[in-house]
Amino acid sequence: MTAQRLFWAVALSSAAILAVTMGVRQSLGLFVSPINSSTGLGVVTISFAMAVAQFVWGAAQPLFGMLADRAGSYPVIVIGALLLALGLALAPFMSTGFGLVFAIGFLMAAGAGAGSFSTLIGAAAQRLPENRRSFAAGFVNAGGSFGQFVFAPLAQALIGAFGWVAAMLALAATALSTIVLGLPLRERRGTVAARQTAHAGGITLGAQTALAFRDRSYLCLHAGFFTCGFHIAFLVTHLPGEVGLCGQPASVAAASIAIIGVANILGSIGAGWLGQTRRMKTILFWMYGSRALAVALYLAAPKTALTFYLFALVLGLTWLATVPPTAGLVGKLFGPRYLATLFGFTLLTHQIGGFFGAWLGGIALESSGSYAWMWYTDIALAALAALVNLPIREAPPKPAQATA
């Protein structure tokens, strides 16, 4: 296979898988109100299940990343598809908070994590030359945003037409499609073993991990990514609730989530492209800073449908576009060999932030009847995340002709 065909086979397969797993995950906030109305479990209980899902999705990243580094990416994708489908299929039959946490918080989240960033971007990094990795990461990430654009209105339409139970079962069936979508990522028998043999005698995974966690730049990446997770999980889980509090219909929430997704297609590809010629830490600085400004402007604006759409558009340009420069910086700092694992750990930190964003949003609404103090916290964290990326150690990108 030529280098060009290899690039597109890996990039398209990975982007398609992420479209499904991220599209499903980012649409779950639309189910909070229907589940509450059907089961009476309460917003706090359901938010807690969603918060656990945020954390487990992150915790799954380094674990499945290690497995992908050792056994290849395709077996991990198959495991993830089965877990994701099982969790979604069981969720409608859970009538207790514990059952909901098990189905959504553990099974679904772990399955989505297996078919997500650490596995897919790690697979691309191991198969592609250095000068193509940043753009590939952006392209793969854009697939997740496209999934959000497609799945949010689709899930809302299914909920409206057939009810939330049928909608969740339909998502479960769709999750199994990643088994087929991942076929281009299969490796011939012995290829993974040959790669391990080629690296024999180098630094071990344990030693590399210990070294990374003593590196100030790596820890700065974790700090910024914590805020990213807090911000995204809060919005994905509670934006429908915020829209409802402002007197707008549920369709505005679904459309806003879709707008975030389609805008992030541009943002992700743009971030991957810029990462080839610009310092990635500078890209992250401007992304986080723009989020703080966007939230402040939203709070000052009248809460109309147009305001939500414009807010979603601005946020969408940076939404998960932080992933390509963050993964790129991990690769720059430590190389591609253990990228799936080391980037997986940053995603774990991202989702610890996500846990608090989803959970505290429910507590804020229950205790005060609004999300006001969550918005102010979000502004402060985004500003701090912008600043914490500046001390990261990063050499200027090499000229394009040097990496050709």
Protein backbone atom coordinates (compact mmCIF):
# COMPACT_ATOMS: atom_id res chain seq x y z
CA MET A 1 0.00 0.00 0.00
CA THR A 2 1.36 3.45 -0.93
CA ALA A 3 1.98 6.03 1.79
CA GLN A 4 -0.96 8.14 0.59
CA ARG A 5 -3.39 5.22 0.57
CA LEU A 6 -2.16 4.12 3.99
CA PHE A 7 -2.75 7.61 5.37
CA TRP A 8 -6.34 7.77 4.16
CA ALA A 9 -7.15 4.18 5.14
CA VAL A 10 -5.99 4.81 8.72
CA ALA A 11 -7.44 8.33 8.94
CA LEU A 12 -10.87 7.51 7.50
CA SER A 13 -11.30 4.31 9.51
CA SER A 14 -10.29 5.99 12.76
CA ALA A 15 -12.45 9.05 12.08
CA ALA A 16 -15.49 6.88 11.33
CA ILE A 17 -15.10 4.88 14.54
CA LEU A 18 -14.73 8.06 16.58
CA ALA A 19 -17.81 9.50 14.86
CA VAL A 20 -19.87 6.64 16.33
CA THR A 21 -18.36 6.44 19.82
CA MET A 22 -18.17 10.21 20.37
CA GLY A 23 -21.53 10.84 18.70
CA VAL A 24 -23.18 8.45 21.15
CA ARG A 25 -21.35 9.86 24.19
CA GLN A 26 -21.97 13.50 23.38
CA SER A 27 -25.70 12.88 22.87
CA LEU A 28 -26.35 11.38 26.31
CA GLY A 29 -27.27 14.74 27.84
CA LEU A 30 -30.45 14.64 25.75
CA PHE A 31 -31.56 11.58 27.75
CA VAL A 32 -31.29 13.18 31.22
CA SER A 33 -34.78 14.71 31.24
CA PRO A 34 -36.56 11.72 29.62
CA ILE A 35 -34.89 9.26 32.01
CA ASN A 36 -35.83 11.46 34.97
CA SER A 37 -39.46 11.72 33.81
CA SER A 38 -39.66 7.97 33.23
CA THR A 39 -37.89 6.69 36.33
CA GLY A 40 -38.19 9.53 38.85
CA LEU A 41 -34.58 8.96 39.90
CA GLY A 42 -33.85 12.70 40.07
CA VAL A 43 -31.44 14.93 38.18
CA VAL A 44 -28.67 14.55 40.77
CA THR A 45 -28.73 10.73 40.56
CA ILE A 46 -28.77 10.73 36.78
CA SER A 47 -26.04 13.42 36.68
CA PHE A 48 -23.95 11.23 38.97
CA ALA A 49 -24.28 8.30 36.56
CA MET A 50 -23.23 10.60 33.71
CA ALA A 51 -20.35 11.87 35.85
CA VAL A 52 -19.15 8.33 36.55
CA ALA A 53 -19.31 7.73 32.80
CA GLN A 54 -17.05 10.73 32.27
CA PHE A 55 -14.49 9.37 34.71
CA VAL A 56 -14.64 5.75 33.50
CA TRP A 57 -14.26 6.86 29.88
CA GLY A 58 -11.07 8.62 30.92
CA ALA A 59 -9.82 5.77 33.11
CA ALA A 60 -10.34 3.38 30.20
CA GLN A 61 -8.05 5.41 27.94
CA PRO A 62 -4.64 4.48 29.41
CA LEU A 63 -5.77 0.89 30.09
CA PHE A 64 -6.97 0.28 26.56
CA GLY A 65 -4.02 2.30 25.29
CA MET A 66 -1.64 -0.15 26.98
CA LEU A 67 -3.57 -3.07 25.49
CA ALA A 68 -3.45 -1.48 22.02
CA ASP A 69 0.29 -0.84 22.37
CA ARG A 70 0.79 -4.54 23.14
CA ALA A 71 -1.90 -6.37 21.14
CA GLY A 72 -2.85 -3.95 18.37
CA SER A 73 -5.74 -1.54 17.99
CA TYR A 74 -8.35 -3.72 16.26
CA PRO A 75 -8.95 -6.21 19.12
CA VAL A 76 -9.45 -3.22 21.43
CA ILE A 77 -11.99 -1.71 19.03
CA VAL A 78 -13.99 -4.97 18.94
CA ILE A 79 -14.04 -5.19 22.75
CA GLY A 80 -15.15 -1.58 22.92
CA ALA A 81 -17.99 -2.07 20.44
CA LEU A 82 -19.41 -4.97 22.45
CA LEU A 83 -19.19 -3.11 25.77
CA LEU A 84 -20.71 0.07 24.34
CA ALA A 85 -23.62 -1.78 22.76
CA LEU A 86 -24.26 -3.81 25.92
CA GLY A 87 -24.29 -0.75 28.17
CA LEU A 88 -26.71 1.13 25.93
CA ALA A 89 -28.97 -1.90 25.58
CA LEU A 90 -29.16 -2.48 29.35
CA ALA A 91 -29.68 1.17 30.40
CA PRO A 92 -33.44 1.32 29.61
CA PHE A 93 -34.06 -1.63 31.92
CA MET A 94 -32.30 -0.12 34.94
CA SER A 95 -34.72 1.34 37.48
CA THR A 96 -32.22 2.21 40.20
CA GLY A 97 -29.34 4.64 40.47
CA PHE A 98 -26.89 1.76 40.91
CA GLY A 99 -28.17 0.05 37.75
CA LEU A 100 -27.88 3.25 35.76
CA VAL A 101 -24.32 3.78 36.98
CA PHE A 102 -23.45 0.22 35.97
CA ALA A 103 -24.96 0.43 32.47
CA ILE A 104 -24.07 4.00 31.51
CA GLY A 105 -21.29 4.80 33.95
CA PHE A 106 -19.26 1.62 33.48
CA LEU A 107 -20.20 -0.56 30.50
CA MET A 108 -21.11 2.17 28.02
CA ALA A 109 -18.30 4.49 29.07
CA ALA A 110 -15.62 1.78 28.99
CA GLY A 111 -16.76 0.68 25.54
CA ALA A 112 -16.70 4.23 24.20
CA GLY A 113 -13.25 4.69 25.73
CA ALA A 114 -11.86 1.65 23.95
CA GLY A 115 -12.88 3.10 20.59
CA SER A 116 -11.65 6.58 21.28
CA PHE A 117 -8.65 8.92 21.17
CA SER A 118 -5.86 6.95 22.81
CA THR A 119 -6.47 3.83 20.71
CA LEU A 120 -7.16 5.63 17.43
CA ILE A 121 -4.58 8.42 17.56
CA GLY A 122 -2.05 5.90 18.88
CA ALA A 123 -2.79 3.65 15.89
CA ALA A 124 -2.26 6.56 13.50
CA ALA A 125 1.00 7.61 15.18
CA GLN A 126 2.47 4.11 14.90
CA ARG A 127 1.59 3.79 11.21
CA LEU A 128 2.30 7.28 9.86
CA PRO A 129 5.46 9.41 9.53
CA GLU A 130 6.00 12.27 11.99
CA ASN A 131 5.17 15.03 9.53
CA ARG A 132 1.69 13.54 8.92
CA ARG A 133 0.70 12.82 12.53
CA SER A 134 -0.59 16.26 13.50
CA PHE A 135 -2.92 16.53 10.51
CA ALA A 136 -4.02 12.90 10.97
CA ALA A 137 -4.87 13.58 14.62
CA GLY A 138 -6.90 16.61 13.57
CA PHE A 139 -8.72 14.63 10.89
CA VAL A 140 -9.51 11.76 13.27
CA ASN A 141 -10.71 14.23 15.89
CA ALA A 142 -12.95 15.87 13.29
CA GLY A 143 -14.65 12.50 12.89
CA GLY A 144 -15.77 12.68 16.51
CA SER A 145 -17.18 16.15 15.91
CA PHE A 146 -19.01 14.95 12.81
CA GLY A 147 -20.53 12.18 14.92
CA GLN A 148 -21.78 14.76 17.40
CA PHE A 149 -23.28 16.77 14.54
CA VAL A 150 -25.11 13.69 13.24
CA PHE A 151 -26.07 11.90 16.44
CA ALA A 152 -27.42 14.81 18.51
CA PRO A 153 -30.34 15.69 16.21
CA LEU A 154 -30.79 12.01 15.32
CA ALA A 155 -31.09 11.00 18.98
CA GLN A 156 -33.48 13.88 19.68
CA ALA A 157 -35.62 12.89 16.68
CA LEU A 158 -35.72 9.26 17.84
CA ILE A 159 -36.64 10.29 21.39
CA GLY A 160 -39.45 12.50 20.05
CA ALA A 161 -40.78 9.90 17.63
CA PHE A 162 -40.33 6.61 19.49
CA GLY A 163 -39.37 7.44 23.08
CA TRP A 164 -36.03 7.40 24.85
CA VAL A 165 -35.96 3.59 25.28
CA ALA A 166 -36.19 2.90 21.55
CA ALA A 167 -33.69 5.69 20.88
CA MET A 168 -31.12 4.16 23.23
CA LEU A 169 -31.60 0.69 21.75
CA ALA A 170 -31.06 2.15 18.28
CA LEU A 171 -27.78 3.68 19.47
CA ALA A 172 -26.78 0.28 20.88
CA ALA A 173 -27.25 -1.35 17.47
CA THR A 174 -25.30 1.45 15.79
CA ALA A 175 -22.37 0.94 18.18
CA LEU A 176 -21.72 -2.50 16.68
CA SER A 177 -20.90 -0.89 13.32
CA THR A 178 -17.45 0.06 14.66
CA ILE A 179 -16.40 -3.59 14.34
CA VAL A 180 -16.76 -3.27 10.56
CA LEU A 181 -15.42 0.29 10.42
CA GLY A 182 -12.24 -0.84 12.17
CA LEU A 183 -11.30 -3.51 9.63
CA PRO A 184 -8.68 -1.29 7.89
CA LEU A 185 -6.85 -1.08 11.23
CA ARG A 186 -6.29 -4.82 11.44
CA GLU A 187 -2.66 -5.85 11.36
CA ARG A 188 -1.24 -9.04 9.96
CA ARG A 189 -0.31 -11.73 12.43
CA GLY A 190 3.14 -11.01 13.72
CA THR A 191 3.15 -7.29 12.84
CA VAL A 192 2.52 -6.19 16.44
CA ALA A 193 5.09 -8.69 17.72
CA ALA A 194 7.59 -7.42 15.16
CA ARG A 195 7.02 -3.84 16.33
CA GLN A 196 7.58 -4.92 19.93
CA THR A 197 10.78 -6.72 18.93
CA ALA A 198 11.99 -3.65 17.06
CA HIS A 199 11.64 -1.63 20.25
CA ALA A 200 13.22 -4.30 22.46
CA GLY A 201 16.07 -2.92 24.49
CA GLY A 202 14.58 0.57 24.65
CA ILE A 203 12.87 2.18 27.60
CA THR A 204 10.07 0.13 29.16
CA LEU A 205 6.50 1.33 29.51
CA GLY A 206 6.81 1.59 33.29
CA ALA A 207 10.04 3.59 33.09
CA GLN A 208 8.63 5.88 30.40
CA THR A 209 5.47 6.50 32.43
CA ALA A 210 7.45 7.33 35.57
CA LEU A 211 9.67 9.67 33.57
CA ALA A 212 6.65 11.41 32.05
CA PHE A 213 5.04 12.10 35.42
CA ARG A 214 8.23 13.79 36.58
CA ASP A 215 8.22 16.08 33.55
CA ARG A 216 6.82 19.58 34.24
CA SER A 217 5.60 20.03 30.66
CA TYR A 218 3.62 16.80 30.80
CA LEU A 219 2.03 17.87 34.09
CA CYS A 220 1.10 21.24 32.58
CA LEU A 221 -0.71 19.38 29.79
CA HIS A 222 -2.65 17.46 32.42
CA ALA A 223 -3.65 20.66 34.21
CA GLY A 224 -4.99 22.27 31.05
CA PHE A 225 -6.78 19.12 29.95
CA PHE A 226 -8.53 18.88 33.36
CA THR A 227 -10.24 22.18 32.59
CA CYS A 228 -11.12 21.03 29.08
CA GLY A 229 -12.89 17.99 30.52
CA PHE A 230 -14.74 20.04 33.15
CA HIS A 231 -15.97 22.46 30.53
CA ILE A 232 -17.07 19.90 27.94
CA ALA A 233 -18.77 17.48 30.35
CA PHE A 234 -20.70 20.30 32.02
CA LEU A 235 -21.99 21.54 28.68
CA VAL A 236 -22.74 18.15 27.15
CA THR A 237 -24.67 17.04 30.24
CA HIS A 238 -26.38 20.27 31.23
CA LEU A 239 -26.72 22.44 28.12
CA PRO A 240 -30.19 20.94 27.49
CA GLY A 241 -31.12 21.90 31.06
CA GLU A 242 -29.75 25.43 30.61
CA VAL A 243 -31.74 25.80 27.40
CA GLY A 244 -34.89 24.69 29.23
CA LEU A 245 -34.30 27.15 32.08
CA CYS A 246 -34.08 29.94 29.52
CA GLY A 247 -37.51 29.01 28.13
CA GLN A 248 -36.26 27.51 24.86
CA PRO A 249 -37.50 24.17 23.43
CA ALA A 250 -35.45 20.96 23.47
CA SER A 251 -34.84 21.31 19.73
CA VAL A 252 -32.63 24.34 20.45
CA ALA A 253 -30.42 22.19 22.69
CA ALA A 254 -30.14 19.45 20.07
CA ALA A 255 -29.36 22.00 17.36
CA SER A 256 -26.75 23.68 19.58
CA ILE A 257 -24.96 20.39 20.24
CA ALA A 258 -25.02 19.68 16.50
CA ILE A 259 -23.59 23.14 15.75
CA ILE A 260 -20.78 22.51 18.24
CA GLY A 261 -20.02 19.28 16.41
CA VAL A 262 -19.92 20.71 12.90
CA ALA A 263 -17.90 23.76 14.01
CA ASN A 264 -15.38 21.49 15.66
CA ILE A 265 -14.82 19.66 12.38
CA LEU A 266 -13.27 22.90 11.14
CA GLY A 267 -11.57 23.54 14.46
CA SER A 268 -10.01 20.08 14.69
CA ILE A 269 -8.71 20.02 11.13
CA GLY A 270 -7.48 23.59 11.57
CA ALA A 271 -5.68 22.70 14.82
CA GLY A 272 -4.04 19.69 13.15
CA TRP A 273 -2.95 21.82 10.21
CA LEU A 274 -1.60 24.64 12.40
CA GLY A 275 0.28 22.10 14.52
CA GLN A 276 2.52 21.39 11.52
CA THR A 277 3.86 24.96 11.46
CA ARG A 278 3.05 26.55 14.86
CA ARG A 279 3.94 25.79 18.46
CA MET A 280 1.17 23.60 19.85
CA LYS A 281 1.31 25.17 23.30
CA THR A 282 0.48 28.54 21.72
CA ILE A 283 -2.51 26.98 19.94
CA LEU A 284 -3.74 25.64 23.28
CA PHE A 285 -3.26 29.03 24.97
CA TRP A 286 -5.55 30.76 22.48
CA MET A 287 -8.12 27.96 22.57
CA TYR A 288 -8.57 28.03 26.33
CA GLY A 289 -8.49 31.83 26.45
CA SER A 290 -11.21 32.08 23.82
CA ARG A 291 -13.43 29.76 25.88
CA ALA A 292 -13.24 32.04 28.92
CA LEU A 293 -14.23 35.00 26.75
CA ALA A 294 -17.04 33.09 25.02
CA VAL A 295 -18.67 32.07 28.32
CA ALA A 296 -18.43 35.63 29.66
CA LEU A 297 -20.11 36.99 26.53
CA TYR A 298 -22.82 34.32 26.74
CA LEU A 299 -23.68 35.32 30.31
CA ALA A 300 -24.06 38.94 29.24
CA ALA A 301 -26.22 38.17 26.19
CA PRO A 302 -30.03 37.75 26.02
CA LYS A 303 -30.94 34.06 26.17
CA THR A 304 -32.53 33.63 22.76
CA ALA A 305 -32.21 30.71 20.36
CA LEU A 306 -29.80 32.78 18.26
CA THR A 307 -27.61 33.38 21.32
CA PHE A 308 -27.35 29.63 21.94
CA TYR A 309 -26.52 28.98 18.30
CA LEU A 310 -23.79 31.64 18.23
CA PHE A 311 -22.42 30.43 21.57
CA ALA A 312 -22.32 26.87 20.21
CA LEU A 313 -20.56 28.03 17.04
CA VAL A 314 -17.81 29.84 18.94
CA LEU A 315 -17.31 27.01 21.43
CA GLY A 316 -17.35 24.43 18.68
CA LEU A 317 -14.26 25.86 17.01
CA THR A 318 -12.19 24.81 20.06
CA TRP A 319 -14.44 22.11 21.56
CA LEU A 320 -12.28 18.98 21.13
CA ALA A 321 -9.79 20.75 18.90
CA THR A 322 -7.55 20.68 21.99
CA VAL A 323 -6.94 16.98 21.31
CA PRO A 324 -4.59 17.22 18.27
CA PRO A 325 -2.15 19.72 19.90
CA THR A 326 -2.26 17.87 23.22
CA ALA A 327 -1.56 14.51 21.59
CA GLY A 328 1.05 16.19 19.40
CA LEU A 329 2.85 17.60 22.42
CA VAL A 330 2.89 14.19 24.11
CA GLY A 331 4.42 12.76 20.93
CA LYS A 332 6.98 15.56 20.76
CA LEU A 333 7.98 15.10 24.39
CA PHE A 334 8.21 11.28 24.45
CA GLY A 335 7.91 9.90 20.90
CA PRO A 336 5.20 7.67 19.37
CA ARG A 337 6.10 4.33 20.96
CA TYR A 338 3.90 4.68 24.06
CA LEU A 339 1.71 7.51 22.78
CA ALA A 340 -1.54 5.56 23.26
CA THR A 341 -0.70 5.02 26.93
CA LEU A 342 0.76 8.43 27.79
CA PHE A 343 -1.93 10.35 25.92
CA GLY A 344 -4.42 8.02 27.58
CA PHE A 345 -3.27 9.28 30.99
CA THR A 346 -3.90 12.89 29.93
CA LEU A 347 -7.39 11.82 28.86
CA LEU A 348 -7.90 10.32 32.30
CA THR A 349 -7.13 13.72 33.82
CA HIS A 350 -9.46 15.28 31.23
CA GLN A 351 -12.26 13.04 32.42
CA ILE A 352 -11.60 13.62 36.11
CA GLY A 353 -12.42 17.20 35.21
CA GLY A 354 -15.37 15.83 33.27
CA PHE A 355 -16.64 13.98 36.35
CA PHE A 356 -16.76 17.21 38.34
CA GLY A 357 -18.26 19.18 35.45
CA ALA A 358 -21.17 16.75 35.04
CA TRP A 359 -21.76 16.05 38.74
CA LEU A 360 -21.39 19.57 40.12
CA GLY A 361 -23.68 20.88 37.40
CA GLY A 362 -26.47 18.69 38.77
CA ILE A 363 -25.74 19.80 42.34
CA ALA A 364 -25.73 23.47 41.28
CA LEU A 365 -29.15 23.12 39.65
CA GLU A 366 -30.62 21.19 42.57
CA SER A 367 -29.32 23.61 45.21
CA SER A 368 -29.80 26.98 43.51
CA GLY A 369 -32.15 26.41 40.61
CA SER A 370 -29.58 27.66 38.09
CA TYR A 371 -26.10 26.99 36.75
CA ALA A 372 -24.74 30.48 37.52
CA TRP A 373 -21.82 29.56 39.75
CA MET A 374 -20.81 26.78 37.37
CA TRP A 375 -20.47 29.32 34.56
CA TYR A 376 -18.25 31.57 36.71
CA THR A 377 -16.10 28.60 37.71
CA ASP A 378 -15.78 27.66 34.05
CA ILE A 379 -14.49 31.12 33.15
CA ALA A 380 -11.84 31.03 35.90
CA LEU A 381 -10.65 27.53 34.99
CA ALA A 382 -10.44 28.31 31.27
CA ALA A 383 -8.29 31.38 31.97
CA LEU A 384 -5.97 29.33 34.20
CA ALA A 385 -5.76 26.58 31.57
CA ALA A 386 -4.61 29.14 28.99
CA LEU A 387 -1.80 30.32 31.24
CA VAL A 388 -0.62 26.89 32.40
CA ASN A 389 0.23 25.85 28.83
CA LEU A 390 2.77 28.64 28.33
CA PRO A 391 5.66 27.06 30.36
CA ILE A 392 5.50 23.81 28.34
CA ARG A 393 8.84 22.85 26.79
CA GLU A 394 8.39 22.78 23.01
CA ALA A 395 10.86 23.36 20.22
CA PRO A 396 9.66 25.30 17.16
CA PRO A 397 8.26 23.07 14.38
CA LYS A 398 10.71 21.93 11.75
CA PRO A 399 10.42 23.52 8.31
CA ALA A 400 8.15 21.55 6.00
CA GLN A 401 10.99 20.61 3.64
CA ALA A 402 12.95 19.11 6.53
CA THR A 403 10.21 16.59 7.27
CA ALA A 404 9.28 15.71 3.70
